[in-house]
Every structure is written in C-alpha cells, then in structure tokens.
C-alpha cells in the first residue's frame, strides 16, 4: 500500500499512512483522543470497551471493520487491478459506507 519493503497486518490496517488517516478521521468524528495499538486484536478490544457503554454508538462499533474493509479493498485494487484511489476517495468510501450503507 505505501510501497515500502515490508507489509504486515498491523502496519497495513493500523499504522500505514492511509490507515492512520482513516483512524484519525474516525477519532475526530467521535471527538476522542486515541493511540493505536500494535495489534489488531488489542485495537478492537479497546475500541469495543471504550464505546460499548454508549447506546448510540452502533455505527461507531462498526467503524474499525469498515476501515479494515476499505483498506483491504484498496490494497487488492492496487495489487490486482493496478488502480489506486486517493486518500480523499478512501475517506469518502468509509463515510458513505457508514452513513449511507
């Protein structure tokens, strides 16, 4: 995704420039300050633990999965179709999936 030598799951979904931008968008929309974990399981557990007590956050609980899915689709688009979406297009996809889908 970021054209580096090594692509591992934690980097792809949590720490790559695209992932960080999508996570920062999510955090700012929810008005929270957050430091991403090193593992995906820790990130999901912390996310669920932080938001589960708020009854209006059903879409917020889905947000990590939407971010992961969007990054995975973009990675596959780049690898198999040789097509790249911009960061703006990715953030638009995440927003549309959450609020219109």
PDB file of N, CA and C in Angstrom:
ATOM      1  N   UNK A   1       0.822  -1.206   0.000  1.00  0.00           N
ATOM      2  CA  UNK A   1       0.000   0.000   0.000  1.00  0.00           C
ATOM      3  C   UNK A   1       0.859   1.260   0.000  1.00  0.00           C
ATOM      4  N   UNK A   2       1.872   1.288   0.825  1.00  0.00           N
ATOM      5  CA  UNK A   2       2.684   2.508   0.869  1.00  0.00           C
ATOM      6  C   UNK A   2       4.027   2.309   0.165  1.00  0.00           C
ATOM      7  N   UNK A   3       4.089   1.245  -0.644  1.00  0.00           N
ATOM      8  CA  UNK A   3       5.241   0.974  -1.500  1.00  0.00           C
ATOM      9  C   UNK A   3       6.544   0.793  -0.735  1.00  0.00           C
ATOM     10  N   UNK A   4       6.451   0.329   0.510  1.00  0.00           N
ATOM     11  CA  UNK A   4       7.628   0.012   1.298  1.00  0.00           C
ATOM     12  C   UNK A   4       8.025  -1.438   1.066  1.00  0.00           C
ATOM     13  N   UNK A   5       9.082  -1.845   1.691  1.00  0.00           N
ATOM     14  CA  UNK A   5       9.579  -3.202   1.507  1.00  0.00           C
ATOM     15  C   UNK A   5       8.725  -4.244   2.223  1.00  0.00           C
ATOM     16  N   UNK A   6       8.271  -3.932   3.416  1.00  0.00           N
ATOM     17  CA  UNK A   6       7.587  -4.918   4.241  1.00  0.00           C
ATOM     18  C   UNK A   6       6.154  -4.476   4.509  1.00  0.00           C
ATOM     19  N   UNK A   7       5.226  -5.382   4.278  1.00  0.00           N
ATOM     20  CA  UNK A   7       3.826  -5.097   4.573  1.00  0.00           C
ATOM     21  C   UNK A   7       3.334  -6.174   5.524  1.00  0.00           C
ATOM     22  N   UNK A   8       3.039  -5.792   6.742  1.00  0.00           N
ATOM     23  CA  UNK A   8       2.492  -6.726   7.708  1.00  0.00           C
ATOM     24  C   UNK A   8       1.135  -6.209   8.142  1.00  0.00           C
ATOM     25  N   UNK A   9       0.347  -7.078   8.718  1.00  0.00           N
ATOM     26  CA  UNK A   9      -1.051  -6.786   9.011  1.00  0.00           C
ATOM     27  C   UNK A   9      -1.211  -5.552   9.884  1.00  0.00           C
ATOM     28  N   UNK A  10      -0.445  -5.455  10.965  1.00  0.00           N
ATOM     29  CA  UNK A  10      -0.555  -4.299  11.852  1.00  0.00           C
ATOM     30  C   UNK A  10      -0.229  -2.997  11.146  1.00  0.00           C
ATOM     31  N   UNK A  11       0.759  -3.039  10.292  1.00  0.00           N
ATOM     32  CA  UNK A  11       1.122  -1.831   9.532  1.00  0.00           C
ATOM     33  C   UNK A  11       0.014  -1.484   8.543  1.00  0.00           C
ATOM     34  N   UNK A  12      -0.453  -2.490   7.813  1.00  0.00           N
ATOM     35  CA  UNK A  12      -1.466  -2.260   6.784  1.00  0.00           C
ATOM     36  C   UNK A  12      -2.735  -1.655   7.360  1.00  0.00           C
ATOM     37  N   UNK A  13      -3.246  -2.210   8.455  1.00  0.00           N
ATOM     38  CA  UNK A  13      -4.549  -1.788   8.969  1.00  0.00           C
ATOM     39  C   UNK A  13      -4.509  -0.779  10.104  1.00  0.00           C
ATOM     40  N   UNK A  14      -3.327  -0.541  10.672  1.00  0.00           N
ATOM     41  CA  UNK A  14      -3.263   0.391  11.796  1.00  0.00           C
ATOM     42  C   UNK A  14      -2.268   1.535  11.611  1.00  0.00           C
ATOM     43  N   UNK A  15      -1.108   1.258  11.008  1.00  0.00           N
ATOM     44  CA  UNK A  15      -0.026   2.222  11.066  1.00  0.00           C
ATOM     45  C   UNK A  15       0.436   2.789   9.726  1.00  0.00           C
ATOM     46  N   UNK A  16      -0.056   2.283   8.623  1.00  0.00           N
ATOM     47  CA  UNK A  16       0.328   2.847   7.327  1.00  0.00           C
ATOM     48  C   UNK A  16      -0.245   4.263   7.224  1.00  0.00           C
ATOM     49  N   UNK A  17       0.293   5.082   6.346  1.00  0.00           N
ATOM     50  CA  UNK A  17      -0.239   6.448   6.213  1.00  0.00           C
ATOM     51  C   UNK A  17      -1.739   6.475   5.904  1.00  0.00           C
ATOM     52  N   UNK A  18      -2.215   5.562   5.044  1.00  0.00           N
ATOM     53  CA  UNK A  18      -3.645   5.529   4.736  1.00  0.00           C
ATOM     54  C   UNK A  18      -4.458   5.116   5.954  1.00  0.00           C
ATOM     55  N   UNK A  19      -3.989   4.091   6.654  1.00  0.00           N
ATOM     56  CA  UNK A  19      -4.715   3.623   7.843  1.00  0.00           C
ATOM     57  C   UNK A  19      -4.751   4.707   8.908  1.00  0.00           C
ATOM     58  N   UNK A  20      -3.615   5.336   9.147  1.00  0.00           N
ATOM     59  CA  UNK A  20      -3.579   6.405  10.166  1.00  0.00           C
ATOM     60  C   UNK A  20      -4.551   7.514   9.824  1.00  0.00           C
ATOM     61  N   UNK A  21      -4.616   7.896   8.558  1.00  0.00           N
ATOM     62  CA  UNK A  21      -5.534   8.973   8.158  1.00  0.00           C
ATOM     63  C   UNK A  21      -6.989   8.562   8.383  1.00  0.00           C
ATOM     64  N   UNK A  22      -7.326   7.316   8.065  1.00  0.00           N
ATOM     65  CA  UNK A  22      -8.704   6.861   8.272  1.00  0.00           C
ATOM     66  C   UNK A  22      -9.040   6.762   9.756  1.00  0.00           C
ATOM     67  N   UNK A  23      -8.103   6.281  10.560  1.00  0.00           N
ATOM     68  CA  UNK A  23      -8.324   6.216  12.005  1.00  0.00           C
ATOM     69  C   UNK A  23      -8.453   7.616  12.592  1.00  0.00           C
ATOM     70  N   UNK A  24      -7.614   8.543  12.158  1.00  0.00           N
ATOM     71  CA  UNK A  24      -7.706   9.917  12.668  1.00  0.00           C
ATOM     72  C   UNK A  24      -9.033  10.549  12.295  1.00  0.00           C
ATOM     73  N   UNK A  25      -9.542  10.264  11.112  1.00  0.00           N
ATOM     74  CA  UNK A  25     -10.871  10.738  10.721  1.00  0.00           C
ATOM     75  C   UNK A  25     -11.924  10.189  11.676  1.00  0.00           C
ATOM     76  N   UNK A  26     -11.837   8.894  11.962  1.00  0.00           N
ATOM     77  CA  UNK A  26     -12.794   8.276  12.884  1.00  0.00           C
ATOM     78  C   UNK A  26     -12.722   8.909  14.268  1.00  0.00           C
ATOM     79  N   UNK A  27     -11.505   9.090  14.769  1.00  0.00           N
ATOM     80  CA  UNK A  27     -11.343   9.678  16.097  1.00  0.00           C
ATOM     81  C   UNK A  27     -11.899  11.097  16.151  1.00  0.00           C
ATOM     82  N   UNK A  28     -11.600  11.880  15.128  1.00  0.00           N
ATOM     83  CA  UNK A  28     -12.071  13.270  15.145  1.00  0.00           C
ATOM     84  C   UNK A  28     -13.588  13.335  15.027  1.00  0.00           C
ATOM     85  N   UNK A  29     -14.199  12.454  14.246  1.00  0.00           N
ATOM     86  CA  UNK A  29     -15.661  12.437  14.130  1.00  0.00           C
ATOM     87  C   UNK A  29     -16.330  12.080  15.454  1.00  0.00           C
ATOM     88  N   UNK A  30     -15.671  11.226  16.217  1.00  0.00           N
ATOM     89  CA  UNK A  30     -16.223  10.813  17.510  1.00  0.00           C
ATOM     90  C   UNK A  30     -15.775  11.714  18.654  1.00  0.00           C
ATOM     91  N   UNK A  31     -14.844  12.615  18.376  1.00  0.00           N
ATOM     92  CA  UNK A  31     -14.367  13.524  19.405  1.00  0.00           C
ATOM     93  C   UNK A  31     -13.546  12.846  20.485  1.00  0.00           C
ATOM     94  N   UNK A  32     -12.768  11.835  20.097  1.00  0.00           N
ATOM     95  CA  UNK A  32     -11.942  11.140  21.074  1.00  0.00           C
ATOM     96  C   UNK A  32     -10.466  11.253  20.704  1.00  0.00           C
ATOM     97  N   UNK A  33      -9.628  11.097  21.703  1.00  0.00           N
ATOM     98  CA  UNK A  33      -8.178  11.051  21.503  1.00  0.00           C
ATOM     99  C   UNK A  33      -7.762   9.601  21.687  1.00  0.00           C
ATOM    100  N   UNK A  34      -6.930   9.098  20.798  1.00  0.00           N
ATOM    101  CA  UNK A  34      -6.648   7.668  20.787  1.00  0.00           C
ATOM    102  C   UNK A  34      -5.241   7.434  20.278  1.00  0.00           C
ATOM    103  N   UNK A  35      -4.589   6.458  20.852  1.00  0.00           N
ATOM    104  CA  UNK A  35      -3.304   5.981  20.351  1.00  0.00           C
ATOM    105  C   UNK A  35      -3.538   4.565  19.869  1.00  0.00           C
ATOM    106  N   UNK A  36      -3.226   4.294  18.601  1.00  0.00           N
ATOM    107  CA  UNK A  36      -3.457   2.959  18.055  1.00  0.00           C
ATOM    108  C   UNK A  36      -2.547   1.929  18.713  1.00  0.00           C
ATOM    109  N   UNK A  37      -3.106   0.765  18.911  1.00  0.00           N
ATOM    110  CA  UNK A  37      -2.366  -0.353  19.492  1.00  0.00           C
ATOM    111  C   UNK A  37      -1.473  -0.986  18.434  1.00  0.00           C
ATOM    112  N   UNK A  38      -0.588  -1.867  18.853  1.00  0.00           N
ATOM    113  CA  UNK A  38       0.280  -2.559  17.904  1.00  0.00           C
ATOM    114  C   UNK A  38      -0.400  -3.754  17.257  1.00  0.00           C
ATOM    115  N   UNK A  39      -1.379  -4.335  17.926  1.00  0.00           N
ATOM    116  CA  UNK A  39      -2.054  -5.491  17.342  1.00  0.00           C
ATOM    117  C   UNK A  39      -3.512  -5.144  17.039  1.00  0.00           C
ATOM    118  N   UNK A  40      -4.026  -5.797  16.036  1.00  0.00           N
ATOM    119  CA  UNK A  40      -5.408  -5.561  15.633  1.00  0.00           C
ATOM    120  C   UNK A  40      -6.367  -6.034  16.718  1.00  0.00           C
ATOM    121  N   UNK A  41      -6.092  -7.174  17.326  1.00  0.00           N
ATOM    122  CA  UNK A  41      -6.994  -7.669  18.373  1.00  0.00           C
ATOM    123  C   UNK A  41      -7.047  -6.702  19.552  1.00  0.00           C
ATOM    124  N   UNK A  42      -5.906  -6.146  19.951  1.00  0.00           N
ATOM    125  CA  UNK A  42      -5.904  -5.160  21.043  1.00  0.00           C
ATOM    126  C   UNK A  42      -6.670  -3.909  20.643  1.00  0.00           C
ATOM    127  N   UNK A  43      -6.508  -3.478  19.400  1.00  0.00           N
ATOM    128  CA  UNK A  43      -7.227  -2.297  18.905  1.00  0.00           C
ATOM    129  C   UNK A  43      -8.736  -2.523  18.970  1.00  0.00           C
ATOM    130  N   UNK A  44      -9.193  -3.683  18.501  1.00  0.00           N
ATOM    131  CA  UNK A  44     -10.626  -3.976  18.506  1.00  0.00           C
ATOM    132  C   UNK A  44     -11.190  -4.121  19.912  1.00  0.00           C
ATOM    133  N   UNK A  45     -10.443  -4.776  20.789  1.00  0.00           N
ATOM    134  CA  UNK A  45     -10.906  -4.916  22.171  1.00  0.00           C
ATOM    135  C   UNK A  45     -10.999  -3.556  22.867  1.00  0.00           C
ATOM    136  N   UNK A  46     -10.006  -2.725  22.675  1.00  0.00           N
ATOM    137  CA  UNK A  46     -10.029  -1.396  23.286  1.00  0.00           C
ATOM    138  C   UNK A  46     -11.154  -0.557  22.700  1.00  0.00           C
ATOM    139  N   UNK A  47     -11.351  -0.658  21.399  1.00  0.00           N
ATOM    140  CA  UNK A  47     -12.413   0.102  20.726  1.00  0.00           C
ATOM    141  C   UNK A  47     -13.770  -0.306  21.274  1.00  0.00           C
ATOM    142  N   UNK A  48     -14.015  -1.601  21.346  1.00  0.00           N
ATOM    143  CA  UNK A  48     -15.295  -2.090  21.853  1.00  0.00           C
ATOM    144  C   UNK A  48     -15.473  -1.708  23.319  1.00  0.00           C
ATOM    145  N   UNK A  49     -14.429  -1.857  24.113  1.00  0.00           N
ATOM    146  CA  UNK A  49     -14.513  -1.499  25.525  1.00  0.00           C
ATOM    147  C   UNK A  49     -14.773  -0.027  25.745  1.00  0.00           C
ATOM    148  N   UNK A  50     -14.199   0.817  24.893  1.00  0.00           N
ATOM    149  CA  UNK A  50     -14.375   2.261  25.045  1.00  0.00           C
ATOM    150  C   UNK A  50     -15.778   2.712  24.643  1.00  0.00           C
ATOM    151  N   UNK A  51     -16.341   2.095  23.616  1.00  0.00           N
ATOM    152  CA  UNK A  51     -17.609   2.582  23.076  1.00  0.00           C
ATOM    153  C   UNK A  51     -18.829   1.758  23.466  1.00  0.00           C
ATOM    154  N   UNK A  52     -18.643   0.582  24.039  1.00  0.00           N
ATOM    155  CA  UNK A  52     -19.789  -0.307  24.258  1.00  0.00           C
ATOM    156  C   UNK A  52     -20.788   0.225  25.276  1.00  0.00           C
ATOM    157  N   UNK A  53     -20.369   1.069  26.168  1.00  0.00           N
ATOM    158  CA  UNK A  53     -21.298   1.562  27.179  1.00  0.00           C
ATOM    159  C   UNK A  53     -22.156   2.720  26.668  1.00  0.00           C
ATOM    160  N   UNK A  54     -21.888   3.192  25.473  1.00  0.00           N
ATOM    161  CA  UNK A  54     -22.668   4.292  24.901  1.00  0.00           C
ATOM    162  C   UNK A  54     -23.707   3.719  23.934  1.00  0.00           C
ATOM    163  N   UNK A  55     -24.983   3.796  24.260  1.00  0.00           N
ATOM    164  CA  UNK A  55     -26.011   3.110  23.453  1.00  0.00           C
ATOM    165  C   UNK A  55     -26.168   3.642  22.035  1.00  0.00           C
ATOM    166  N   UNK A  56     -25.785   4.871  21.752  1.00  0.00           N
ATOM    167  CA  UNK A  56     -25.993   5.438  20.424  1.00  0.00           C
ATOM    168  C   UNK A  56     -24.844   5.144  19.460  1.00  0.00           C
ATOM    169  N   UNK A  57     -23.884   4.363  19.867  1.00  0.00           N
ATOM    170  CA  UNK A  57     -22.689   4.169  19.059  1.00  0.00           C
ATOM    171  C   UNK A  57     -22.654   2.860  18.287  1.00  0.00           C
ATOM    172  N   UNK A  58     -23.783   2.385  17.774  1.00  0.00           N
ATOM    173  CA  UNK A  58     -23.762   1.146  16.996  1.00  0.00           C
ATOM    174  C   UNK A  58     -22.912   1.301  15.741  1.00  0.00           C
ATOM    175  N   UNK A  59     -23.028   2.437  15.076  1.00  0.00           N
ATOM    176  CA  UNK A  59     -22.204   2.666  13.885  1.00  0.00           C
ATOM    177  C   UNK A  59     -20.741   2.859  14.270  1.00  0.00           C
ATOM    178  N   UNK A  60     -20.498   3.451  15.404  1.00  0.00           N
ATOM    179  CA  UNK A  60     -19.119   3.640  15.850  1.00  0.00           C
ATOM    180  C   UNK A  60     -18.454   2.304  16.132  1.00  0.00           C
ATOM    181  N   UNK A  61     -19.214   1.324  16.627  1.00  0.00           N
ATOM    182  CA  UNK A  61     -18.654  -0.002  16.860  1.00  0.00           C
ATOM    183  C   UNK A  61     -18.291  -0.691  15.548  1.00  0.00           C
ATOM    184  N   UNK A  62     -18.991  -0.363  14.470  1.00  0.00           N
ATOM    185  CA  UNK A  62     -18.700  -0.950  13.150  1.00  0.00           C
ATOM    186  C   UNK A  62     -17.541  -0.254  12.454  1.00  0.00           C
ATOM    187  N   UNK A  63     -17.176   0.910  12.915  1.00  0.00           N
ATOM    188  CA  UNK A  63     -16.166   1.713  12.234  1.00  0.00           C
ATOM    189  C   UNK A  63     -14.835   1.001  11.997  1.00  0.00           C
ATOM    190  N   UNK A  64     -14.253   0.296  12.960  1.00  0.00           N
ATOM    191  CA  UNK A  64     -12.998  -0.401  12.670  1.00  0.00           C
ATOM    192  C   UNK A  64     -13.128  -1.403  11.527  1.00  0.00           C
ATOM    193  N   UNK A  65     -14.245  -2.088  11.474  1.00  0.00           N
ATOM    194  CA  UNK A  65     -14.447  -3.081  10.431  1.00  0.00           C
ATOM    195  C   UNK A  65     -14.596  -2.412   9.061  1.00  0.00           C
ATOM    196  N   UNK A  66     -15.241  -1.272   9.029  1.00  0.00           N
ATOM    197  CA  UNK A  66     -15.372  -0.520   7.778  1.00  0.00           C
ATOM    198  C   UNK A  66     -13.999  -0.017   7.329  1.00  0.00           C
ATOM    199  N   UNK A  67     -13.199   0.451   8.265  1.00  0.00           N
ATOM    200  CA  UNK A  67     -11.844   0.906   7.931  1.00  0.00           C
ATOM    201  C   UNK A  67     -11.017  -0.259   7.402  1.00  0.00           C
ATOM    202  N   UNK A  68     -11.041  -1.394   8.085  1.00  0.00           N
ATOM    203  CA  UNK A  68     -10.281  -2.564   7.630  1.00  0.00           C
ATOM    204  C   UNK A  68     -10.724  -2.993   6.234  1.00  0.00           C
ATOM    205  N   UNK A  69     -12.029  -3.055   6.022  1.00  0.00           N
ATOM    206  CA  UNK A  69     -12.560  -3.488   4.728  1.00  0.00           C
ATOM    207  C   UNK A  69     -12.146  -2.519   3.627  1.00  0.00           C
ATOM    208  N   UNK A  70     -12.212  -1.242   3.890  1.00  0.00           N
ATOM    209  CA  UNK A  70     -11.832  -0.240   2.887  1.00  0.00           C
ATOM    210  C   UNK A  70     -10.355  -0.341   2.531  1.00  0.00           C
ATOM    211  N   UNK A  71      -9.510  -0.540   3.526  1.00  0.00           N
ATOM    212  CA  UNK A  71      -8.075  -0.686   3.271  1.00  0.00           C
ATOM    213  C   UNK A  71      -7.807  -1.973   2.494  1.00  0.00           C
ATOM    214  N   UNK A  72      -8.475  -3.051   2.874  1.00  0.00           N
ATOM    215  CA  UNK A  72      -8.272  -4.323   2.181  1.00  0.00           C
ATOM    216  C   UNK A  72      -8.692  -4.228   0.713  1.00  0.00           C
ATOM    217  N   UNK A  73      -9.834  -3.597   0.472  1.00  0.00           N
ATOM    218  CA  UNK A  73     -10.291  -3.419  -0.907  1.00  0.00           C
ATOM    219  C   UNK A  73      -9.306  -2.572  -1.697  1.00  0.00           C
ATOM    220  N   UNK A  74      -8.785  -1.511  -1.089  1.00  0.00           N
ATOM    221  CA  UNK A  74      -7.817  -0.655  -1.768  1.00  0.00           C
ATOM    222  C   UNK A  74      -6.524  -1.411  -2.053  1.00  0.00           C
ATOM    223  N   UNK A  75      -6.072  -2.195  -1.090  1.00  0.00           N
ATOM    224  CA  UNK A  75      -4.855  -2.982  -1.312  1.00  0.00           C
ATOM    225  C   UNK A  75      -5.042  -3.929  -2.486  1.00  0.00           C
ATOM    226  N   UNK A  76      -6.156  -4.635  -2.507  1.00  0.00           N
ATOM    227  CA  UNK A  76      -6.413  -5.567  -3.602  1.00  0.00           C
ATOM    228  C   UNK A  76      -6.579  -4.854  -4.938  1.00  0.00           C
ATOM    229  N   UNK A  77      -7.186  -3.686  -4.927  1.00  0.00           N
ATOM    230  CA  UNK A  77      -7.326  -2.895  -6.157  1.00  0.00           C
ATOM    231  C   UNK A  77      -5.946  -2.541  -6.699  1.00  0.00           C
ATOM    232  N   UNK A  78      -5.048  -2.144  -5.817  1.00  0.00           N
ATOM    233  CA  UNK A  78      -3.696  -1.771  -6.239  1.00  0.00           C
ATOM    234  C   UNK A  78      -2.899  -2.974  -6.736  1.00  0.00           C
ATOM    235  N   UNK A  79      -3.023  -4.102  -6.045  1.00  0.00           N
ATOM    236  CA  UNK A  79      -2.240  -5.281  -6.404  1.00  0.00           C
ATOM    237  C   UNK A  79      -2.769  -5.946  -7.669  1.00  0.00           C
ATOM    238  N   UNK A  80      -4.068  -6.131  -7.761  1.00  0.00           N
ATOM    239  CA  UNK A  80      -4.620  -6.933  -8.842  1.00  0.00           C
ATOM    240  C   UNK A  80      -5.115  -6.126 -10.038  1.00  0.00           C
ATOM    241  N   UNK A  81      -5.524  -4.888  -9.815  1.00  0.00           N
ATOM    242  CA  UNK A  81      -6.052  -4.077 -10.912  1.00  0.00           C
ATOM    243  C   UNK A  81      -5.129  -2.944 -11.317  1.00  0.00           C
ATOM    244  N   UNK A  82      -4.101  -2.703 -10.516  1.00  0.00           N
ATOM    245  CA  UNK A  82      -3.150  -1.604 -10.776  1.00  0.00           C
ATOM    246  C   UNK A  82      -3.851  -0.244 -10.821  1.00  0.00           C
ATOM    247  N   UNK A  83      -4.842  -0.092  -9.942  1.00  0.00           N
ATOM    248  CA  UNK A  83      -5.597   1.155  -9.824  1.00  0.00           C
ATOM    249  C   UNK A  83      -5.471   1.637  -8.393  1.00  0.00           C
ATOM    250  N   UNK A  84      -5.203   2.933  -8.209  1.00  0.00           N
ATOM    251  CA  UNK A  84      -5.062   3.500  -6.870  1.00  0.00           C
ATOM    252  C   UNK A  84      -6.108   4.586  -6.635  1.00  0.00           C
ATOM    253  N   UNK A  85      -6.800   4.473  -5.508  1.00  0.00           N
ATOM    254  CA  UNK A  85      -7.684   5.549  -5.076  1.00  0.00           C
ATOM    255  C   UNK A  85      -6.871   6.518  -4.226  1.00  0.00           C
ATOM    256  N   UNK A  86      -7.272   7.752  -4.231  1.00  0.00           N
ATOM    257  CA  UNK A  86      -6.622   8.756  -3.380  1.00  0.00           C
ATOM    258  C   UNK A  86      -7.135   8.611  -1.950  1.00  0.00           C
ATOM    259  N   UNK A  87      -6.447   9.257  -1.034  1.00  0.00           N
ATOM    260  CA  UNK A  87      -6.885   9.248   0.363  1.00  0.00           C
ATOM    261  C   UNK A  87      -8.280   9.861   0.488  1.00  0.00           C
ATOM    262  N   UNK A  88      -8.556  10.888  -0.282  1.00  0.00           N
ATOM    263  CA  UNK A  88      -9.878  11.518  -0.248  1.00  0.00           C
ATOM    264  C   UNK A  88     -10.961  10.538  -0.702  1.00  0.00           C
ATOM    265  N   UNK A  89     -10.662   9.747  -1.718  1.00  0.00           N
ATOM    266  CA  UNK A  89     -11.634   8.754  -2.172  1.00  0.00           C
ATOM    267  C   UNK A  89     -11.850   7.679  -1.106  1.00  0.00           C
ATOM    268  N   UNK A  90     -10.771   7.265  -0.449  1.00  0.00           N
ATOM    269  CA  UNK A  90     -10.907   6.262   0.618  1.00  0.00           C
ATOM    270  C   UNK A  90     -11.740   6.794   1.780  1.00  0.00           C
ATOM    271  N   UNK A  91     -11.473   8.024   2.206  1.00  0.00           N
ATOM    272  CA  UNK A  91     -12.265   8.584   3.312  1.00  0.00           C
ATOM    273  C   UNK A  91     -13.721   8.752   2.902  1.00  0.00           C
ATOM    274  N   UNK A  92     -13.941   9.101   1.656  1.00  0.00           N
ATOM    275  CA  UNK A  92     -15.319   9.181   1.150  1.00  0.00           C
ATOM    276  C   UNK A  92     -16.013   7.835   1.164  1.00  0.00           C
ATOM    277  N   UNK A  93     -15.271   6.779   0.804  1.00  0.00           N
ATOM    278  CA  UNK A  93     -15.845   5.426   0.830  1.00  0.00           C
ATOM    279  C   UNK A  93     -16.222   5.016   2.251  1.00  0.00           C
ATOM    280  N   UNK A  94     -15.340   5.311   3.209  1.00  0.00           N
ATOM    281  CA  UNK A  94     -15.627   4.968   4.603  1.00  0.00           C
ATOM    282  C   UNK A  94     -16.862   5.734   5.080  1.00  0.00           C
ATOM    283  N   UNK A  95     -16.914   7.004   4.818  1.00  0.00           N
ATOM    284  CA  UNK A  95     -18.053   7.824   5.232  1.00  0.00           C
ATOM    285  C   UNK A  95     -19.337   7.343   4.586  1.00  0.00           C
ATOM    286  N   UNK A  96     -19.295   7.076   3.292  1.00  0.00           N
ATOM    287  CA  UNK A  96     -20.504   6.593   2.594  1.00  0.00           C
ATOM    288  C   UNK A  96     -20.965   5.238   3.120  1.00  0.00           C
ATOM    289  N   UNK A  97     -20.037   4.357   3.380  1.00  0.00           N
ATOM    290  CA  UNK A  97     -20.387   3.036   3.895  1.00  0.00           C
ATOM    291  C   UNK A  97     -21.073   3.142   5.244  1.00  0.00           C
ATOM    292  N   UNK A  98     -20.551   4.010   6.097  1.00  0.00           N
ATOM    293  CA  UNK A  98     -21.124   4.141   7.442  1.00  0.00           C
ATOM    294  C   UNK A  98     -22.470   4.843   7.456  1.00  0.00           C
ATOM    295  N   UNK A  99     -22.576   5.922   6.713  1.00  0.00           N
ATOM    296  CA  UNK A  99     -23.752   6.759   6.863  1.00  0.00           C
ATOM    297  C   UNK A  99     -24.806   6.560   5.778  1.00  0.00           C
ATOM    298  N   UNK A 100     -24.421   5.981   4.653  1.00  0.00           N
ATOM    299  CA  UNK A 100     -25.399   5.758   3.592  1.00  0.00           C
ATOM    300  C   UNK A 100     -25.680   4.287   3.340  1.00  0.00           C
ATOM    301  N   UNK A 101     -24.784   3.422   3.841  1.00  0.00           N
ATOM    302  CA  UNK A 101     -24.903   1.985   3.544  1.00  0.00           C
ATOM    303  C   UNK A 101     -25.628   1.208   4.541  1.00  0.00           C
TER     304      UNK A 101
END
